[in-house]
Amino acid sequence: MTNPRVAHLMEDLFLAVNDLVAKHEVTHEEYRAAVAFLNEAAEAGETMLLLDVFLEGGVVDASSREWRGTPKQAVGPYYLEDAPWIEDGQLAGPDEEGDRLLLTGTVRDVDGNPISDAVLDWWQADAKGRYGAFDIPPRTNMNLRGRMHSKEDGSYALHTVVPAAYPIPHEGPTGRLVEALGWHPWRPAHIHLIAGGDGYQPLITQIYFEGDEYLDSDVGRMARHDLALQLTTNGDSRRADFDIVLEASV
C-alpha cells in the first residue's frame, strides 16, 4: 500500500539530489565513489553515526519549531533505559574524578508554574570524556546515569562532576569525511537529560557550558548558547542553574 508521506518525502529527496548533481556536474566516477563510501560506512557499522553527525541536528530543529519549552536536542547514542533512581540527587559517587558540580533549577510549564514529581533522567561522560557501559565496560555500568524526581515546588539539585569534551569515533569513513570537510571530530562537554511527567510531553535536551572551546564548532552541529550555562566557583566545586520548561501534552 502506498504511503503518501513516504512518497512525498522521497520524491522531494530525489529531486533535490538530482538538482545538486546537475548544479555541480557530478561525474559518474564521483557518483560511484559516493556509493562506495556509503557501502563502506554501512560495512563499518557507521550508518547511524554518519546520519547523526550530518542530519540529526537538522531533524530535531525541524520537528520542534512549534515547541515552547526548553530547546530540544538529539538523544545521542549513549542513552540506556532503566537508569537507577539516585538518592538526594547524587549522580556522581564520592570517588568520581573531576571537578564537583552542583546543578540546580526548577521544572516549570510554559506559563511558569512549577511541576512537582517530574522525572529527570540524566546521563553524561566523565571527566575524561568516557561513558559508562560504552567506553567503560561492562555493559551494565551505570556510572553517571540516574533518575530523580523534582520536588513539590518543582525544584531539583543534581550533584555530579563537570564532564569533558570528547571526539566522536573518527578512525573510519565518517571521520575521513569530517576531515575532508575541514572539521574537527569533537563534541563540546555536555550533560544529557530526558525530562517528563504526567500530562507533559517528554523533553530530550543537552546542557552545555559557556567558554567550551568546541561550543561554536560542535561536530554534531547541535550545541547552542541558549543551552550553555555559566559555571561559577563555590568553594572547591562549580555551580550552575538550569530551569527546565515542559510543554503540556496535546
Protein backbone atom coordinates (compact mmCIF):
# COMPACT_ATOMS: atom_id res chain seq x y z
CA MET A 1 0.00 0.00 0.00
CA THR A 2 1.33 3.42 -0.96
CA ASN A 3 2.38 5.64 1.95
CA PRO A 4 1.69 9.26 0.87
CA ARG A 5 4.12 10.75 3.39
CA VAL A 6 6.98 8.46 2.33
CA ALA A 7 6.22 9.05 -1.34
CA HIS A 8 6.20 12.83 -0.90
CA LEU A 9 9.46 12.90 1.07
CA MET A 10 11.32 10.54 -1.25
CA GLU A 11 10.19 12.39 -4.37
CA ASP A 12 11.47 15.66 -2.90
CA LEU A 13 14.71 13.99 -1.80
CA PHE A 14 15.43 12.58 -5.26
CA LEU A 15 14.58 15.90 -6.90
CA ALA A 16 16.93 17.75 -4.53
CA VAL A 17 19.77 15.28 -5.12
CA ASN A 18 19.32 15.39 -8.89
CA ASP A 19 19.30 19.20 -8.76
CA LEU A 20 22.59 19.07 -6.85
CA VAL A 21 24.04 16.63 -9.39
CA ALA A 22 23.08 18.93 -12.26
CA LYS A 23 24.27 22.09 -10.50
CA HIS A 24 27.72 20.68 -9.75
CA GLU A 25 28.01 18.48 -12.86
CA VAL A 26 28.74 15.42 -10.76
CA THR A 27 30.67 12.84 -12.78
CA HIS A 28 29.88 9.14 -12.90
CA GLU A 29 33.19 8.43 -11.17
CA GLU A 30 32.22 10.76 -8.32
CA TYR A 31 28.82 9.08 -8.10
CA ARG A 32 30.40 5.62 -7.87
CA ALA A 33 32.84 6.89 -5.22
CA ALA A 34 29.90 8.20 -3.17
CA VAL A 35 28.11 4.84 -3.43
CA ALA A 36 31.30 3.03 -2.38
CA PHE A 37 31.66 5.38 0.59
CA LEU A 38 28.10 4.69 1.77
CA ASN A 39 28.68 0.94 1.42
CA GLU A 40 31.91 1.24 3.40
CA ALA A 41 30.17 3.21 6.16
CA ALA A 42 27.46 0.54 6.37
CA GLU A 43 30.00 -2.30 6.47
CA ALA A 44 31.89 -0.46 9.24
CA GLY A 45 28.67 -0.16 11.27
CA GLU A 46 28.73 3.63 10.94
CA THR A 47 25.39 4.26 9.25
CA MET A 48 23.85 5.72 12.40
CA LEU A 49 27.00 7.68 13.25
CA LEU A 50 27.15 9.19 9.76
CA LEU A 51 23.49 10.21 9.71
CA ASP A 52 23.59 11.50 13.30
CA VAL A 53 26.56 13.77 12.56
CA PHE A 54 25.21 15.24 9.34
CA LEU A 55 21.42 15.10 9.66
CA GLU A 56 20.06 14.58 13.16
CA GLY A 57 20.55 18.13 14.39
CA GLY A 58 18.55 19.47 11.46
CA VAL A 59 15.79 16.91 12.03
CA VAL A 60 15.50 17.93 15.69
CA ASP A 61 15.26 21.61 14.75
CA ALA A 62 12.69 20.99 12.03
CA SER A 63 10.50 18.79 14.22
CA SER A 64 10.43 21.19 17.18
CA ARG A 65 9.60 24.52 15.57
CA GLU A 66 6.30 24.77 17.47
CA TRP A 67 7.85 23.60 20.77
CA ARG A 68 7.70 26.26 23.51
CA GLY A 69 9.66 24.50 26.21
CA THR A 70 13.40 24.15 26.81
CA PRO A 71 15.12 23.71 23.41
CA LYS A 72 15.27 20.12 22.27
CA GLN A 73 18.38 18.17 21.35
CA ALA A 74 19.19 14.73 19.97
CA VAL A 75 19.18 11.79 22.37
CA GLY A 76 22.61 10.64 21.16
CA PRO A 77 23.98 7.09 21.01
CA TYR A 78 24.86 6.66 24.69
CA TYR A 79 21.42 6.54 26.33
CA LEU A 80 20.45 3.47 28.35
CA GLU A 81 16.98 2.81 29.68
CA ASP A 82 16.24 1.97 33.31
CA ALA A 83 18.98 4.06 34.89
CA PRO A 84 18.94 3.69 38.68
CA TRP A 85 16.99 6.07 40.91
CA ILE A 86 19.50 8.23 42.76
CA GLU A 87 19.34 9.37 46.36
CA ASP A 88 19.40 13.11 47.11
CA GLY A 89 20.43 13.92 43.54
CA GLN A 90 23.82 12.24 43.89
CA LEU A 91 24.69 11.34 40.31
CA ALA A 92 28.44 11.17 40.97
CA GLY A 93 29.83 8.97 43.70
CA PRO A 94 32.31 10.34 46.26
CA ASP A 95 35.26 8.73 44.43
CA GLU A 96 34.35 10.07 41.00
CA GLU A 97 37.25 12.03 39.47
CA GLY A 98 36.74 15.59 38.27
CA ASP A 99 35.55 18.98 39.46
CA ARG A 100 32.38 18.67 41.51
CA LEU A 101 29.32 20.34 40.02
CA LEU A 102 26.05 21.33 41.68
CA LEU A 103 23.33 21.87 39.08
CA THR A 104 20.10 23.38 40.41
CA GLY A 105 16.88 24.69 38.93
CA THR A 106 13.12 24.39 38.76
CA VAL A 107 10.93 22.36 36.43
CA ARG A 108 8.10 24.57 35.13
CA ASP A 109 5.37 24.59 32.49
CA VAL A 110 5.32 27.16 29.70
CA ASP A 111 3.27 29.53 31.90
CA GLY A 112 5.88 29.45 34.66
CA ASN A 113 4.05 27.14 37.06
CA PRO A 114 6.26 24.66 38.92
CA ILE A 115 5.87 20.96 38.10
CA SER A 116 6.25 18.57 41.01
CA ASP A 117 7.24 14.91 40.67
CA ALA A 118 8.65 15.35 37.15
CA VAL A 119 11.04 12.57 36.18
CA LEU A 120 14.56 13.76 35.32
CA ASP A 121 16.72 11.13 33.62
CA TRP A 122 20.39 12.22 33.48
CA TRP A 123 23.47 10.74 31.81
CA GLN A 124 26.87 12.15 30.95
CA ALA A 125 30.51 11.47 30.17
CA ASP A 126 33.02 11.55 32.99
CA ALA A 127 35.92 13.97 33.45
CA LYS A 128 37.86 12.06 30.77
CA GLY A 129 35.05 12.07 28.21
CA ARG A 130 34.05 8.45 28.79
CA TYR A 131 30.56 6.94 29.08
CA GLY A 132 29.79 4.07 31.40
CA ALA A 133 28.74 0.87 29.58
CA PHE A 134 30.25 2.12 26.31
CA ASP A 135 33.78 3.40 26.94
CA ILE A 136 33.93 1.79 30.39
CA PRO A 137 32.71 -1.84 30.43
CA PRO A 138 30.77 -3.84 31.40
CA ARG A 139 27.54 -3.10 29.56
CA THR A 140 25.75 -2.88 32.90
CA ASN A 141 27.97 0.02 34.05
CA MET A 142 25.54 2.77 35.06
CA ASN A 143 28.20 5.25 36.15
CA LEU A 144 26.98 8.87 35.91
CA ARG A 145 23.48 7.75 34.95
CA GLY A 146 20.46 8.26 37.16
CA ARG A 147 16.85 9.29 37.55
CA MET A 148 15.27 11.58 40.10
CA HIS A 149 12.01 13.46 40.74
CA SER A 150 11.51 17.19 41.04
CA LYS A 151 10.35 18.29 44.48
CA GLU A 152 6.91 19.61 45.40
CA ASP A 153 7.93 23.15 44.43
CA GLY A 154 9.40 21.90 41.13
CA SER A 155 13.00 22.31 42.26
CA TYR A 156 15.84 19.85 41.84
CA ALA A 157 19.51 19.66 42.80
CA LEU A 158 21.93 17.42 40.92
CA HIS A 159 25.33 16.61 42.41
CA THR A 160 27.77 15.46 39.74
CA VAL A 161 31.10 16.33 38.11
CA VAL A 162 31.91 18.58 35.18
CA PRO A 163 32.06 16.33 32.08
CA ALA A 164 34.81 16.56 29.48
CA ALA A 165 34.53 17.15 25.75
CA TYR A 166 35.20 14.11 23.60
CA PRO A 167 35.66 13.20 19.91
CA ILE A 168 33.18 11.09 18.00
CA PRO A 169 34.65 7.86 16.58
CA HIS A 170 36.77 9.18 13.73
CA GLU A 171 39.03 6.32 12.63
CA GLY A 172 36.58 5.13 9.95
CA PRO A 173 34.67 6.51 6.95
CA THR A 174 32.75 9.13 8.93
CA GLY A 175 35.97 10.51 10.35
CA ARG A 176 37.53 10.71 6.90
CA LEU A 177 34.56 12.70 5.62
CA VAL A 178 34.71 15.03 8.63
CA GLU A 179 38.41 15.60 7.96
CA ALA A 180 37.80 16.16 4.25
CA LEU A 181 35.35 18.92 5.16
CA GLY A 182 37.98 20.58 7.33
CA TRP A 183 36.04 19.87 10.53
CA HIS A 184 37.34 18.51 13.83
CA PRO A 185 35.68 15.43 15.40
CA TRP A 186 34.95 16.95 18.83
CA ARG A 187 31.71 17.46 20.72
CA PRO A 188 31.72 20.09 23.50
CA ALA A 189 31.25 18.95 27.08
CA HIS A 190 27.59 18.35 27.87
CA ILE A 191 25.09 16.65 30.15
CA HIS A 192 22.13 14.77 28.69
CA LEU A 193 18.59 14.97 30.08
CA ILE A 194 15.20 13.45 29.35
CA ALA A 195 12.50 15.17 31.41
CA GLY A 196 8.80 14.42 31.58
CA GLY A 197 5.79 13.93 33.78
CA ASP A 198 2.11 13.08 33.77
CA GLY A 199 0.35 15.40 31.36
CA TYR A 200 3.56 16.71 29.76
CA GLN A 201 5.43 15.92 26.59
CA PRO A 202 8.88 14.41 27.08
CA LEU A 203 11.82 16.74 26.61
CA ILE A 204 15.16 15.47 25.30
CA THR A 205 17.93 18.03 25.64
CA GLN A 206 21.61 18.60 26.36
CA ILE A 207 23.24 21.13 28.67
CA TYR A 208 26.49 22.82 27.60
CA PHE A 209 28.93 25.24 29.23
CA GLU A 210 29.99 28.73 28.20
CA GLY A 211 33.67 29.00 27.39
CA ASP A 212 33.94 25.48 25.96
CA GLU A 213 36.36 25.60 23.03
CA TYR A 214 34.06 23.45 20.89
CA LEU A 215 30.77 25.20 21.68
CA ASP A 216 30.71 27.04 18.35
CA SER A 217 32.14 24.19 16.27
CA ASP A 218 30.31 21.10 17.57
CA VAL A 219 30.85 18.30 15.05
CA GLY A 220 27.24 17.27 15.64
CA ARG A 221 26.06 20.84 14.88
CA MET A 222 23.75 20.77 17.90
CA ALA A 223 25.37 22.89 20.63
CA ARG A 224 23.72 26.28 21.23
CA HIS A 225 24.37 29.19 23.54
CA ASP A 226 20.83 29.25 24.95
CA LEU A 227 21.60 25.82 26.44
CA ALA A 228 25.08 26.81 27.64
CA LEU A 229 25.49 27.55 31.34
CA GLN A 230 27.93 29.89 33.06
CA LEU A 231 29.80 27.97 35.73
CA THR A 232 30.57 29.76 38.97
CA THR A 233 33.00 28.69 41.66
CA ASN A 234 31.56 27.70 45.02
CA GLY A 235 34.38 26.72 47.37
CA ASP A 236 36.02 23.63 45.90
CA SER A 237 33.22 22.97 43.41
CA ARG A 238 31.38 24.52 40.49
CA ARG A 239 27.76 25.57 40.36
CA ALA A 240 25.21 26.41 37.66
CA ASP A 241 21.47 26.98 37.40
CA PHE A 242 19.25 25.43 34.74
CA ASP A 243 15.47 25.74 34.71
CA ILE A 244 13.56 23.12 32.71
CA VAL A 245 10.41 24.06 30.83
CA LEU A 246 7.95 21.38 29.72
CA GLU A 247 5.01 21.66 27.36
CA ALA A 248 1.69 20.04 28.18
CA SER A 249 0.56 17.01 26.22
CA VAL A 250 -1.90 17.64 23.44
